[in-house]
């Protein structure tokens, strides 16, 4: 039997949870105060994912970089490949919030989108 201790990030409560697993299957989730906690714990121990935030270089803009994020969560094991892919991306100003900067980053099927406006210099 394996026991995993987690701090929930599903809501602001930050519940301390305990997930009991046996033979790779979840047997029990304890400590959550809402349904989101149960769903988070089950996903975190079987298929952890994260939103990635970073920056990419801007050419011809009033700022040298623009903040970006993944449009949705990606598998945790793909984070490094995602960040490495972002190092080679250059976008031309102007950039608007929501602009797709890259598609299918690191083979995840998820786009990278701008989270800030950058005007032309």
PDB file of N, CA and C in Angstrom:
ATOM      1  N   UNK A   1       0.849  -1.174   0.000  1.00  0.00           N
ATOM      2  CA  UNK A   1       0.000   0.000   0.000  1.00  0.00           C
ATOM      3  C   UNK A   1       0.900   1.244   0.000  1.00  0.00           C
ATOM      4  N   UNK A   2       0.541   2.232  -0.830  1.00  0.00           N
ATOM      5  CA  UNK A   2       1.281   3.492  -0.934  1.00  0.00           C
ATOM      6  C   UNK A   2       0.390   4.630  -0.469  1.00  0.00           C
ATOM      7  N   UNK A   3       0.975   5.542   0.300  1.00  0.00           N
ATOM      8  CA  UNK A   3       0.236   6.716   0.774  1.00  0.00           C
ATOM      9  C   UNK A   3       0.947   7.962   0.266  1.00  0.00           C
ATOM     10  N   UNK A   4       0.191   8.846  -0.390  1.00  0.00           N
ATOM     11  CA  UNK A   4       0.728  10.113  -0.902  1.00  0.00           C
ATOM     12  C   UNK A   4       0.079  11.264  -0.147  1.00  0.00           C
ATOM     13  N   UNK A   5       0.898  12.192   0.332  1.00  0.00           N
ATOM     14  CA  UNK A   5       0.424  13.389   1.021  1.00  0.00           C
ATOM     15  C   UNK A   5       0.444  14.540   0.018  1.00  0.00           C
ATOM     16  N   UNK A   6      -0.647  15.287  -0.081  1.00  0.00           N
ATOM     17  CA  UNK A   6      -0.766  16.384  -1.039  1.00  0.00           C
ATOM     18  C   UNK A   6      -1.357  17.615  -0.366  1.00  0.00           C
ATOM     19  N   UNK A   7      -1.007  18.780  -0.896  1.00  0.00           N
ATOM     20  CA  UNK A   7      -1.692  20.018  -0.537  1.00  0.00           C
ATOM     21  C   UNK A   7      -2.524  20.392  -1.750  1.00  0.00           C
ATOM     22  N   UNK A   8      -3.800  20.491  -1.564  1.00  0.00           N
ATOM     23  CA  UNK A   8      -4.715  20.756  -2.672  1.00  0.00           C
ATOM     24  C   UNK A   8      -4.540  22.186  -3.198  1.00  0.00           C
ATOM     25  N   UNK A   9      -4.583  22.329  -4.520  1.00  0.00           N
ATOM     26  CA  UNK A   9      -4.551  23.644  -5.151  1.00  0.00           C
ATOM     27  C   UNK A   9      -5.845  23.899  -5.929  1.00  0.00           C
ATOM     28  N   UNK A  10      -6.858  23.106  -5.664  1.00  0.00           N
ATOM     29  CA  UNK A  10      -8.133  23.218  -6.369  1.00  0.00           C
ATOM     30  C   UNK A  10      -8.952  24.441  -5.963  1.00  0.00           C
ATOM     31  N   UNK A  11      -8.723  24.937  -4.767  1.00  0.00           N
ATOM     32  CA  UNK A  11      -9.409  26.140  -4.288  1.00  0.00           C
ATOM     33  C   UNK A  11      -8.513  26.807  -3.249  1.00  0.00           C
ATOM     34  N   UNK A  12      -8.876  27.965  -2.747  1.00  0.00           N
ATOM     35  CA  UNK A  12      -8.013  28.683  -1.793  1.00  0.00           C
ATOM     36  C   UNK A  12      -7.841  28.016  -0.422  1.00  0.00           C
ATOM     37  N   UNK A  13      -8.588  26.975  -0.108  1.00  0.00           N
ATOM     38  CA  UNK A  13      -8.506  26.339   1.212  1.00  0.00           C
ATOM     39  C   UNK A  13      -7.155  25.660   1.461  1.00  0.00           C
ATOM     40  N   UNK A  14      -6.534  25.092   0.424  1.00  0.00           N
ATOM     41  CA  UNK A  14      -5.234  24.427   0.591  1.00  0.00           C
ATOM     42  C   UNK A  14      -5.274  23.232   1.520  1.00  0.00           C
ATOM     43  N   UNK A  15      -6.288  22.408   1.376  1.00  0.00           N
ATOM     44  CA  UNK A  15      -6.453  21.246   2.258  1.00  0.00           C
ATOM     45  C   UNK A  15      -5.258  20.297   2.176  1.00  0.00           C
ATOM     46  N   UNK A  16      -4.895  19.751   3.327  1.00  0.00           N
ATOM     47  CA  UNK A  16      -3.862  18.716   3.401  1.00  0.00           C
ATOM     48  C   UNK A  16      -4.568  17.381   3.196  1.00  0.00           C
ATOM     49  N   UNK A  17      -4.210  16.693   2.111  1.00  0.00           N
ATOM     50  CA  UNK A  17      -4.916  15.466   1.757  1.00  0.00           C
ATOM     51  C   UNK A  17      -3.987  14.267   1.777  1.00  0.00           C
ATOM     52  N   UNK A  18      -4.588  13.131   1.938  1.00  0.00           N
ATOM     53  CA  UNK A  18      -3.877  11.859   1.930  1.00  0.00           C
ATOM     54  C   UNK A  18      -4.581  10.943   0.942  1.00  0.00           C
ATOM     55  N   UNK A  19      -3.785  10.413  -0.002  1.00  0.00           N
ATOM     56  CA  UNK A  19      -4.322   9.489  -0.993  1.00  0.00           C
ATOM     57  C   UNK A  19      -3.709   8.126  -0.737  1.00  0.00           C
ATOM     58  N   UNK A  20      -4.569   7.144  -0.561  1.00  0.00           N
ATOM     59  CA  UNK A  20      -4.118   5.768  -0.350  1.00  0.00           C
ATOM     60  C   UNK A  20      -4.282   5.004  -1.650  1.00  0.00           C
ATOM     61  N   UNK A  21      -3.169   4.386  -2.091  1.00  0.00           N
ATOM     62  CA  UNK A  21      -3.183   3.627  -3.348  1.00  0.00           C
ATOM     63  C   UNK A  21      -2.728   2.198  -3.074  1.00  0.00           C
ATOM     64  N   UNK A  22      -3.276   1.303  -3.872  1.00  0.00           N
ATOM     65  CA  UNK A  22      -2.877  -0.094  -3.783  1.00  0.00           C
ATOM     66  C   UNK A  22      -2.852  -0.667  -5.188  1.00  0.00           C
ATOM     67  N   UNK A  23      -1.737  -1.222  -5.571  1.00  0.00           N
ATOM     68  CA  UNK A  23      -1.541  -1.801  -6.911  1.00  0.00           C
ATOM     69  C   UNK A  23      -1.855  -0.781  -8.003  1.00  0.00           C
ATOM     70  N   UNK A  24      -1.450   0.480  -7.786  1.00  0.00           N
ATOM     71  CA  UNK A  24      -1.660   1.513  -8.779  1.00  0.00           C
ATOM     72  C   UNK A  24      -3.066   2.076  -8.845  1.00  0.00           C
ATOM     73  N   UNK A  25      -3.955   1.618  -7.987  1.00  0.00           N
ATOM     74  CA  UNK A  25      -5.335   2.115  -7.972  1.00  0.00           C
ATOM     75  C   UNK A  25      -5.593   2.920  -6.708  1.00  0.00           C
ATOM     76  N   UNK A  26      -6.372   3.973  -6.852  1.00  0.00           N
ATOM     77  CA  UNK A  26      -6.725   4.813  -5.710  1.00  0.00           C
ATOM     78  C   UNK A  26      -7.790   4.105  -4.887  1.00  0.00           C
ATOM     79  N   UNK A  27      -7.483   3.929  -3.612  1.00  0.00           N
ATOM     80  CA  UNK A  27      -8.435   3.289  -2.700  1.00  0.00           C
ATOM     81  C   UNK A  27      -9.210   4.313  -1.877  1.00  0.00           C
ATOM     82  N   UNK A  28      -8.521   5.428  -1.509  1.00  0.00           N
ATOM     83  CA  UNK A  28      -9.184   6.401  -0.641  1.00  0.00           C
ATOM     84  C   UNK A  28      -8.521   7.771  -0.774  1.00  0.00           C
ATOM     85  N   UNK A  29      -9.346   8.823  -0.732  1.00  0.00           N
ATOM     86  CA  UNK A  29      -8.872  10.206  -0.677  1.00  0.00           C
ATOM     87  C   UNK A  29      -9.446  10.803   0.600  1.00  0.00           C
ATOM     88  N   UNK A  30      -8.552  11.337   1.446  1.00  0.00           N
ATOM     89  CA  UNK A  30      -8.983  11.912   2.725  1.00  0.00           C
ATOM     90  C   UNK A  30      -8.461  13.340   2.863  1.00  0.00           C
ATOM     91  N   UNK A  31      -9.194  14.153   3.618  1.00  0.00           N
ATOM     92  CA  UNK A  31      -8.731  15.493   3.963  1.00  0.00           C
ATOM     93  C   UNK A  31      -9.300  16.617   3.120  1.00  0.00           C
ATOM     94  N   UNK A  32      -9.933  16.284   2.009  1.00  0.00           N
ATOM     95  CA  UNK A  32     -10.506  17.339   1.162  1.00  0.00           C
ATOM     96  C   UNK A  32     -11.818  17.818   1.766  1.00  0.00           C
ATOM     97  N   UNK A  33     -12.073  19.127   1.596  1.00  0.00           N
ATOM     98  CA  UNK A  33     -13.334  19.673   2.110  1.00  0.00           C
ATOM     99  C   UNK A  33     -14.332  19.964   0.998  1.00  0.00           C
ATOM    100  N   UNK A  34     -13.902  19.764  -0.262  1.00  0.00           N
ATOM    101  CA  UNK A  34     -14.827  19.965  -1.375  1.00  0.00           C
ATOM    102  C   UNK A  34     -14.559  18.927  -2.471  1.00  0.00           C
ATOM    103  N   UNK A  35     -15.471  18.835  -3.413  1.00  0.00           N
ATOM    104  CA  UNK A  35     -15.340  17.860  -4.499  1.00  0.00           C
ATOM    105  C   UNK A  35     -14.139  18.145  -5.395  1.00  0.00           C
ATOM    106  N   UNK A  36     -13.783  19.430  -5.520  1.00  0.00           N
ATOM    107  CA  UNK A  36     -12.617  19.782  -6.343  1.00  0.00           C
ATOM    108  C   UNK A  36     -11.350  19.148  -5.783  1.00  0.00           C
ATOM    109  N   UNK A  37     -11.263  19.061  -4.460  1.00  0.00           N
ATOM    110  CA  UNK A  37     -10.102  18.448  -3.816  1.00  0.00           C
ATOM    111  C   UNK A  37      -9.975  16.984  -4.168  1.00  0.00           C
ATOM    112  N   UNK A  38     -11.086  16.281  -4.149  1.00  0.00           N
ATOM    113  CA  UNK A  38     -11.074  14.863  -4.508  1.00  0.00           C
ATOM    114  C   UNK A  38     -10.630  14.688  -5.958  1.00  0.00           C
ATOM    115  N   UNK A  39     -11.174  15.494  -6.849  1.00  0.00           N
ATOM    116  CA  UNK A  39     -10.806  15.402  -8.273  1.00  0.00           C
ATOM    117  C   UNK A  39      -9.335  15.754  -8.472  1.00  0.00           C
ATOM    118  N   UNK A  40      -8.855  16.809  -7.793  1.00  0.00           N
ATOM    119  CA  UNK A  40      -7.451  17.204  -7.907  1.00  0.00           C
ATOM    120  C   UNK A  40      -6.532  16.073  -7.452  1.00  0.00           C
ATOM    121  N   UNK A  41      -6.817  15.492  -6.306  1.00  0.00           N
ATOM    122  CA  UNK A  41      -5.968  14.433  -5.757  1.00  0.00           C
ATOM    123  C   UNK A  41      -5.904  13.231  -6.692  1.00  0.00           C
ATOM    124  N   UNK A  42      -7.037  12.836  -7.219  1.00  0.00           N
ATOM    125  CA  UNK A  42      -7.067  11.683  -8.131  1.00  0.00           C
ATOM    126  C   UNK A  42      -6.245  11.953  -9.388  1.00  0.00           C
ATOM    127  N   UNK A  43      -6.376  13.154  -9.934  1.00  0.00           N
ATOM    128  CA  UNK A  43      -5.622  13.498 -11.135  1.00  0.00           C
ATOM    129  C   UNK A  43      -4.129  13.634 -10.826  1.00  0.00           C
ATOM    130  N   UNK A  44      -3.800  14.245  -9.701  1.00  0.00           N
ATOM    131  CA  UNK A  44      -2.400  14.492  -9.349  1.00  0.00           C
ATOM    132  C   UNK A  44      -1.600  13.198  -9.158  1.00  0.00           C
ATOM    133  N   UNK A  45      -2.213  12.178  -8.620  1.00  0.00           N
ATOM    134  CA  UNK A  45      -1.462  10.933  -8.401  1.00  0.00           C
ATOM    135  C   UNK A  45      -1.468  10.012  -9.616  1.00  0.00           C
ATOM    136  N   UNK A  46      -2.381  10.230 -10.560  1.00  0.00           N
ATOM    137  CA  UNK A  46      -2.426   9.352 -11.732  1.00  0.00           C
ATOM    138  C   UNK A  46      -1.900  10.004 -12.996  1.00  0.00           C
ATOM    139  N   UNK A  47      -2.142  11.319 -13.175  1.00  0.00           N
ATOM    140  CA  UNK A  47      -1.725  12.022 -14.380  1.00  0.00           C
ATOM    141  C   UNK A  47      -1.512  13.502 -14.073  1.00  0.00           C
ATOM    142  N   UNK A  48      -0.408  13.851 -13.388  1.00  0.00           N
ATOM    143  CA  UNK A  48      -0.204  15.248 -13.000  1.00  0.00           C
ATOM    144  C   UNK A  48       0.032  16.164 -14.195  1.00  0.00           C
ATOM    145  N   UNK A  49      -0.602  17.332 -14.162  1.00  0.00           N
ATOM    146  CA  UNK A  49      -0.463  18.325 -15.227  1.00  0.00           C
ATOM    147  C   UNK A  49      -0.250  19.693 -14.606  1.00  0.00           C
ATOM    148  N   UNK A  50       0.276  20.613 -15.418  1.00  0.00           N
ATOM    149  CA  UNK A  50       0.520  21.969 -14.949  1.00  0.00           C
ATOM    150  C   UNK A  50       0.313  22.968 -16.074  1.00  0.00           C
ATOM    151  N   UNK A  51      -0.016  24.208 -15.710  1.00  0.00           N
ATOM    152  CA  UNK A  51       0.012  25.347 -16.622  1.00  0.00           C
ATOM    153  C   UNK A  51       1.436  25.877 -16.570  1.00  0.00           C
ATOM    154  N   UNK A  52       2.023  26.182 -17.712  1.00  0.00           N
ATOM    155  CA  UNK A  52       3.380  26.728 -17.756  1.00  0.00           C
ATOM    156  C   UNK A  52       3.303  28.210 -18.101  1.00  0.00           C
ATOM    157  N   UNK A  53       3.993  29.035 -17.329  1.00  0.00           N
ATOM    158  CA  UNK A  53       4.079  30.455 -17.623  1.00  0.00           C
ATOM    159  C   UNK A  53       5.547  30.801 -17.852  1.00  0.00           C
ATOM    160  N   UNK A  54       5.786  31.682 -18.800  1.00  0.00           N
ATOM    161  CA  UNK A  54       7.157  32.068 -19.137  1.00  0.00           C
ATOM    162  C   UNK A  54       7.123  33.358 -19.941  1.00  0.00           C
ATOM    163  N   UNK A  55       8.197  33.615 -20.680  1.00  0.00           N
ATOM    164  CA  UNK A  55       8.258  34.754 -21.588  1.00  0.00           C
ATOM    165  C   UNK A  55       8.886  34.308 -22.898  1.00  0.00           C
ATOM    166  N   UNK A  56       8.595  35.053 -23.972  1.00  0.00           N
ATOM    167  CA  UNK A  56       9.272  34.847 -25.250  1.00  0.00           C
ATOM    168  C   UNK A  56       9.745  36.205 -25.742  1.00  0.00           C
ATOM    169  N   UNK A  57      10.772  36.175 -26.567  1.00  0.00           N
ATOM    170  CA  UNK A  57      11.366  37.416 -27.079  1.00  0.00           C
ATOM    171  C   UNK A  57      10.459  38.075 -28.109  1.00  0.00           C
ATOM    172  N   UNK A  58      10.469  39.408 -28.095  1.00  0.00           N
ATOM    173  CA  UNK A  58       9.686  40.210 -29.034  1.00  0.00           C
ATOM    174  C   UNK A  58      10.665  41.035 -29.876  1.00  0.00           C
ATOM    175  N   UNK A  59      10.454  41.030 -31.195  1.00  0.00           N
ATOM    176  CA  UNK A  59      11.260  41.883 -32.070  1.00  0.00           C
ATOM    177  C   UNK A  59      10.428  43.101 -32.461  1.00  0.00           C
ATOM    178  N   UNK A  60      11.070  44.272 -32.414  1.00  0.00           N
ATOM    179  CA  UNK A  60      10.395  45.503 -32.816  1.00  0.00           C
ATOM    180  C   UNK A  60       9.364  46.007 -31.841  1.00  0.00           C
ATOM    181  N   UNK A  61       9.436  45.566 -30.591  1.00  0.00           N
ATOM    182  CA  UNK A  61       8.440  45.987 -29.612  1.00  0.00           C
ATOM    183  C   UNK A  61       8.968  46.977 -28.600  1.00  0.00           C
ATOM    184  N   UNK A  62       8.050  47.606 -27.875  1.00  0.00           N
ATOM    185  CA  UNK A  62       8.436  48.530 -26.824  1.00  0.00           C
ATOM    186  C   UNK A  62       9.049  47.792 -25.633  1.00  0.00           C
ATOM    187  N   UNK A  63       8.818  46.490 -25.564  1.00  0.00           N
ATOM    188  CA  UNK A  63       9.415  45.630 -24.541  1.00  0.00           C
ATOM    189  C   UNK A  63      10.190  44.514 -25.238  1.00  0.00           C
ATOM    190  N   UNK A  64      11.256  44.010 -24.623  1.00  0.00           N
ATOM    191  CA  UNK A  64      12.046  42.953 -25.261  1.00  0.00           C
ATOM    192  C   UNK A  64      11.410  41.563 -25.182  1.00  0.00           C
ATOM    193  N   UNK A  65      10.465  41.368 -24.246  1.00  0.00           N
ATOM    194  CA  UNK A  65       9.799  40.071 -24.074  1.00  0.00           C
ATOM    195  C   UNK A  65       8.317  40.276 -23.806  1.00  0.00           C
ATOM    196  N   UNK A  66       7.559  39.215 -23.999  1.00  0.00           N
ATOM    197  CA  UNK A  66       6.145  39.225 -23.657  1.00  0.00           C
ATOM    198  C   UNK A  66       5.863  37.997 -22.796  1.00  0.00           C
ATOM    199  N   UNK A  67       5.018  38.162 -21.786  1.00  0.00           N
ATOM    200  CA  UNK A  67       4.651  37.034 -20.939  1.00  0.00           C
ATOM    201  C   UNK A  67       3.683  36.129 -21.697  1.00  0.00           C
ATOM    202  N   UNK A  68       3.853  34.821 -21.481  1.00  0.00           N
ATOM    203  CA  UNK A  68       3.025  33.823 -22.163  1.00  0.00           C
ATOM    204  C   UNK A  68       2.658  32.709 -21.186  1.00  0.00           C
ATOM    205  N   UNK A  69       1.681  31.907 -21.586  1.00  0.00           N
ATOM    206  CA  UNK A  69       1.310  30.724 -20.804  1.00  0.00           C
ATOM    207  C   UNK A  69       0.734  29.677 -21.728  1.00  0.00           C
ATOM    208  N   UNK A  70       0.680  28.446 -21.241  1.00  0.00           N
ATOM    209  CA  UNK A  70       0.015  27.402 -22.007  1.00  0.00           C
ATOM    210  C   UNK A  70      -1.489  27.665 -21.947  1.00  0.00           C
ATOM    211  N   UNK A  71      -2.180  27.402 -23.035  1.00  0.00           N
ATOM    212  CA  UNK A  71      -3.626  27.646 -23.093  1.00  0.00           C
ATOM    213  C   UNK A  71      -4.391  26.715 -22.151  1.00  0.00           C
ATOM    214  N   UNK A  72      -3.796  25.580 -21.831  1.00  0.00           N
ATOM    215  CA  UNK A  72      -4.371  24.652 -20.852  1.00  0.00           C
ATOM    216  C   UNK A  72      -3.216  23.894 -20.220  1.00  0.00           C
ATOM    217  N   UNK A  73      -3.531  23.046 -19.270  1.00  0.00           N
ATOM    218  CA  UNK A  73      -2.461  22.324 -18.594  1.00  0.00           C
ATOM    219  C   UNK A  73      -1.846  21.267 -19.505  1.00  0.00           C
ATOM    220  N   UNK A  74      -0.568  20.984 -19.248  1.00  0.00           N
ATOM    221  CA  UNK A  74       0.157  19.978 -20.021  1.00  0.00           C
ATOM    222  C   UNK A  74       0.704  18.934 -19.050  1.00  0.00           C
ATOM    223  N   UNK A  75       1.025  17.742 -19.548  1.00  0.00           N
ATOM    224  CA  UNK A  75       1.599  16.724 -18.658  1.00  0.00           C
ATOM    225  C   UNK A  75       2.873  17.247 -17.985  1.00  0.00           C
ATOM    226  N   UNK A  76       3.005  16.953 -16.727  1.00  0.00           N
ATOM    227  CA  UNK A  76       4.128  17.438 -15.938  1.00  0.00           C
ATOM    228  C   UNK A  76       5.472  17.047 -16.560  1.00  0.00           C
ATOM    229  N   UNK A  77       5.552  15.872 -17.138  1.00  0.00           N
ATOM    230  CA  UNK A  77       6.813  15.416 -17.720  1.00  0.00           C
ATOM    231  C   UNK A  77       7.177  16.164 -19.005  1.00  0.00           C
ATOM    232  N   UNK A  78       6.270  16.974 -19.548  1.00  0.00           N
ATOM    233  CA  UNK A  78       6.532  17.751 -20.765  1.00  0.00           C
ATOM    234  C   UNK A  78       6.955  19.200 -20.467  1.00  0.00           C
ATOM    235  N   UNK A  79       7.010  19.593 -19.203  1.00  0.00           N
ATOM    236  CA  UNK A  79       7.327  20.980 -18.846  1.00  0.00           C
ATOM    237  C   UNK A  79       8.699  21.393 -19.368  1.00  0.00           C
ATOM    238  N   UNK A  80       9.703  20.590 -19.142  1.00  0.00           N
ATOM    239  CA  UNK A  80      11.057  20.944 -19.581  1.00  0.00           C
ATOM    240  C   UNK A  80      11.107  21.131 -21.095  1.00  0.00           C
ATOM    241  N   UNK A  81      10.519  20.217 -21.844  1.00  0.00           N
ATOM    242  CA  UNK A  81      10.506  20.329 -23.307  1.00  0.00           C
ATOM    243  C   UNK A  81       9.770  21.589 -23.743  1.00  0.00           C
ATOM    244  N   UNK A  82       8.716  21.933 -23.042  1.00  0.00           N
ATOM    245  CA  UNK A  82       7.948  23.144 -23.349  1.00  0.00           C
ATOM    246  C   UNK A  82       8.807  24.381 -23.149  1.00  0.00           C
ATOM    247  N   UNK A  83       9.472  24.474 -22.008  1.00  0.00           N
ATOM    248  CA  UNK A  83      10.298  25.639 -21.703  1.00  0.00           C
ATOM    249  C   UNK A  83      11.460  25.743 -22.692  1.00  0.00           C
ATOM    250  N   UNK A  84      12.060  24.622 -23.029  1.00  0.00           N
ATOM    251  CA  UNK A  84      13.152  24.644 -24.014  1.00  0.00           C
ATOM    252  C   UNK A  84      12.655  25.122 -25.375  1.00  0.00           C
ATOM    253  N   UNK A  85      11.448  24.722 -25.764  1.00  0.00           N
ATOM    254  CA  UNK A  85      10.874  25.165 -27.041  1.00  0.00           C
ATOM    255  C   UNK A  85      10.644  26.673 -27.036  1.00  0.00           C
ATOM    256  N   UNK A  86      10.256  27.215 -25.903  1.00  0.00           N
ATOM    257  CA  UNK A  86       9.989  28.652 -25.807  1.00  0.00           C
ATOM    258  C   UNK A  86      11.257  29.490 -25.994  1.00  0.00           C
ATOM    259  N   UNK A  87      12.413  28.942 -25.673  1.00  0.00           N
ATOM    260  CA  UNK A  87      13.672  29.690 -25.803  1.00  0.00           C
ATOM    261  C   UNK A  87      13.947  30.122 -27.243  1.00  0.00           C
ATOM    262  N   UNK A  88      13.468  29.350 -28.214  1.00  0.00           N
ATOM    263  CA  UNK A  88      13.773  29.656 -29.617  1.00  0.00           C
ATOM    264  C   UNK A  88      12.682  30.479 -30.310  1.00  0.00           C
ATOM    265  N   UNK A  89      11.606  30.770 -29.609  1.00  0.00           N
ATOM    266  CA  UNK A  89      10.494  31.498 -30.227  1.00  0.00           C
ATOM    267  C   UNK A  89      10.744  33.004 -30.182  1.00  0.00           C
ATOM    268  N   UNK A  90      10.496  33.656 -31.326  1.00  0.00           N
ATOM    269  CA  UNK A  90      10.554  35.113 -31.437  1.00  0.00           C
ATOM    270  C   UNK A  90       9.232  35.551 -32.077  1.00  0.00           C
ATOM    271  N   UNK A  91       8.614  36.574 -31.518  1.00  0.00           N
ATOM    272  CA  UNK A  91       7.386  37.108 -32.107  1.00  0.00           C
ATOM    273  C   UNK A  91       7.613  38.565 -32.467  1.00  0.00           C
ATOM    274  N   UNK A  92       6.952  39.009 -33.516  1.00  0.00           N
ATOM    275  CA  UNK A  92       7.061  40.400 -33.948  1.00  0.00           C
ATOM    276  C   UNK A  92       5.948  41.224 -33.309  1.00  0.00           C
ATOM    277  N   UNK A  93       6.314  42.415 -32.870  1.00  0.00           N
ATOM    278  CA  UNK A  93       5.329  43.340 -32.313  1.00  0.00           C
ATOM    279  C   UNK A  93       4.449  43.849 -33.457  1.00  0.00           C
ATOM    280  N   UNK A  94       3.216  44.202 -33.199  1.00  0.00           N
ATOM    281  CA  UNK A  94       2.560  44.226 -31.899  1.00  0.00           C
ATOM    282  C   UNK A  94       2.047  42.835 -31.501  1.00  0.00           C
ATOM    283  N   UNK A  95       1.938  42.649 -30.188  1.00  0.00           N
ATOM    284  CA  UNK A  95       1.409  41.404 -29.628  1.00  0.00           C
ATOM    285  C   UNK A  95       0.238  41.779 -28.733  1.00  0.00           C
ATOM    286  N   UNK A  96      -0.847  41.011 -28.839  1.00  0.00           N
ATOM    287  CA  UNK A  96      -2.032  41.282 -28.016  1.00  0.00           C
ATOM    288  C   UNK A  96      -2.320  40.094 -27.106  1.00  0.00           C
ATOM    289  N   UNK A  97      -2.928  40.393 -25.979  1.00  0.00           N
ATOM    290  CA  UNK A  97      -3.327  39.325 -25.055  1.00  0.00           C
ATOM    291  C   UNK A  97      -4.192  38.312 -25.808  1.00  0.00           C
ATOM    292  N   UNK A  98      -3.851  37.050 -25.657  1.00  0.00           N
ATOM    293  CA  UNK A  98      -4.603  35.975 -26.311  1.00  0.00           C
ATOM    294  C   UNK A  98      -4.036  35.536 -27.645  1.00  0.00           C
ATOM    295  N   UNK A  99      -3.106  36.315 -28.212  1.00  0.00           N
ATOM    296  CA  UNK A  99      -2.474  35.897 -29.470  1.00  0.00           C
ATOM    297  C   UNK A  99      -1.788  34.547 -29.278  1.00  0.00           C
ATOM    298  N   UNK A 100      -1.957  33.658 -30.245  1.00  0.00           N
ATOM    299  CA  UNK A 100      -1.268  32.365 -30.202  1.00  0.00           C
ATOM    300  C   UNK A 100       0.160  32.592 -30.668  1.00  0.00           C
ATOM    301  N   UNK A 101       1.095  32.301 -29.804  1.00  0.00           N
ATOM    302  CA  UNK A 101       2.515  32.496 -30.066  1.00  0.00           C
ATOM    303  C   UNK A 101       3.122  31.227 -30.671  1.00  0.00           C
ATOM    304  N   UNK A 102       2.623  30.072 -30.255  1.00  0.00           N
ATOM    305  CA  UNK A 102       3.079  28.779 -30.781  1.00  0.00           C
ATOM    306  C   UNK A 102       1.956  27.772 -30.612  1.00  0.00           C
ATOM    307  N   UNK A 103       1.872  26.852 -31.554  1.00  0.00           N
ATOM    308  CA  UNK A 103       0.866  25.789 -31.479  1.00  0.00           C
ATOM    309  C   UNK A 103       1.547  24.463 -31.176  1.00  0.00           C
ATOM    310  N   UNK A 104       0.828  23.577 -30.526  1.00  0.00           N
ATOM    311  CA  UNK A 104       1.300  22.221 -30.254  1.00  0.00           C
ATOM    312  C   UNK A 104       2.700  22.217 -29.633  1.00  0.00           C
ATOM    313  N   UNK A 105       2.884  23.011 -28.613  1.00  0.00           N
ATOM    314  CA  UNK A 105       4.195  23.125 -27.978  1.00  0.00           C
ATOM    315  C   UNK A 105       4.648  21.766 -27.429  1.00  0.00           C
ATOM    316  N   UNK A 106       5.852  21.392 -27.773  1.00  0.00           N
ATOM    317  CA  UNK A 106       6.476  20.151 -27.308  1.00  0.00           C
ATOM    318  C   UNK A 106       5.608  18.921 -27.580  1.00  0.00           C
ATOM    319  N   UNK A 107       4.816  18.974 -28.653  1.00  0.00           N
ATOM    320  CA  UNK A 107       3.981  17.832 -29.015  1.00  0.00           C
ATOM    321  C   UNK A 107       2.828  17.559 -28.066  1.00  0.00           C
ATOM    322  N   UNK A 108       2.422  18.567 -27.303  1.00  0.00           N
ATOM    323  CA  UNK A 108       1.348  18.387 -26.320  1.00  0.00           C
ATOM    324  C   UNK A 108      -0.042  18.624 -26.889  1.00  0.00           C
ATOM    325  N   UNK A 109      -0.113  19.279 -28.065  1.00  0.00           N
ATOM    326  CA  UNK A 109      -1.404  19.656 -28.615  1.00  0.00           C
ATOM    327  C   UNK A 109      -1.934  20.953 -28.024  1.00  0.00           C
ATOM    328  N   UNK A 110      -1.141  21.587 -27.170  1.00  0.00           N
ATOM    329  CA  UNK A 110      -1.549  22.809 -26.475  1.00  0.00           C
ATOM    330  C   UNK A 110      -0.793  24.003 -27.055  1.00  0.00           C
ATOM    331  N   UNK A 111      -1.508  25.116 -27.215  1.00  0.00           N
ATOM    332  CA  UNK A 111      -0.909  26.346 -27.733  1.00  0.00           C
ATOM    333  C   UNK A 111      -0.327  27.186 -26.608  1.00  0.00           C
ATOM    334  N   UNK A 112       0.613  28.043 -26.991  1.00  0.00           N
ATOM    335  CA  UNK A 112       1.158  29.057 -26.083  1.00  0.00           C
ATOM    336  C   UNK A 112       0.504  30.375 -26.471  1.00  0.00           C
ATOM    337  N   UNK A 113      -0.047  31.098 -25.482  1.00  0.00           N
ATOM    338  CA  UNK A 113      -0.725  32.358 -25.757  1.00  0.00           C
ATOM    339  C   UNK A 113      -0.096  33.503 -24.980  1.00  0.00           C
ATOM    340  N   UNK A 114      -0.145  34.696 -25.565  1.00  0.00           N
ATOM    341  CA  UNK A 114       0.374  35.893 -24.915  1.00  0.00           C
ATOM    342  C   UNK A 114      -0.557  36.309 -23.781  1.00  0.00           C
ATOM    343  N   UNK A 115       0.028  36.802 -22.705  1.00  0.00           N
ATOM    344  CA  UNK A 115      -0.762  37.252 -21.559  1.00  0.00           C
ATOM    345  C   UNK A 115      -0.572  38.742 -21.290  1.00  0.00           C
ATOM    346  N   UNK A 116       0.027  39.432 -22.277  1.00  0.00           N
ATOM    347  CA  UNK A 116       0.244  40.871 -22.146  1.00  0.00           C
ATOM    348  C   UNK A 116       0.263  41.492 -23.538  1.00  0.00           C
ATOM    349  N   UNK A 117      -0.095  42.756 -23.605  1.00  0.00           N
ATOM    350  CA  UNK A 117       0.023  43.506 -24.848  1.00  0.00           C
ATOM    351  C   UNK A 117       1.418  44.113 -24.951  1.00  0.00           C
ATOM    352  N   UNK A 118       1.995  44.063 -26.149  1.00  0.00           N
ATOM    353  CA  UNK A 118       3.264  44.737 -26.409  1.00  0.00           C
ATOM    354  C   UNK A 118       3.094  45.528 -27.699  1.00  0.00           C
ATOM    355  N   UNK A 119       3.237  46.846 -27.589  1.00  0.00           N
ATOM    356  CA  UNK A 119       3.102  47.726 -28.752  1.00  0.00           C
ATOM    357  C   UNK A 119       4.397  47.738 -29.566  1.00  0.00           C
ATOM    358  N   UNK A 120       4.259  48.174 -30.806  1.00  0.00           N
ATOM    359  CA  UNK A 120       5.429  48.362 -31.655  1.00  0.00           C
ATOM    360  C   UNK A 120       6.239  49.538 -31.119  1.00  0.00           C
ATOM    361  N   UNK A 121       7.561  49.410 -31.190  1.00  0.00           N
ATOM    362  CA  UNK A 121       8.449  50.482 -30.690  1.00  0.00           C
ATOM    363  C   UNK A 121       8.359  51.717 -31.554  1.00  0.00           C
TER     364      UNK A 121
END
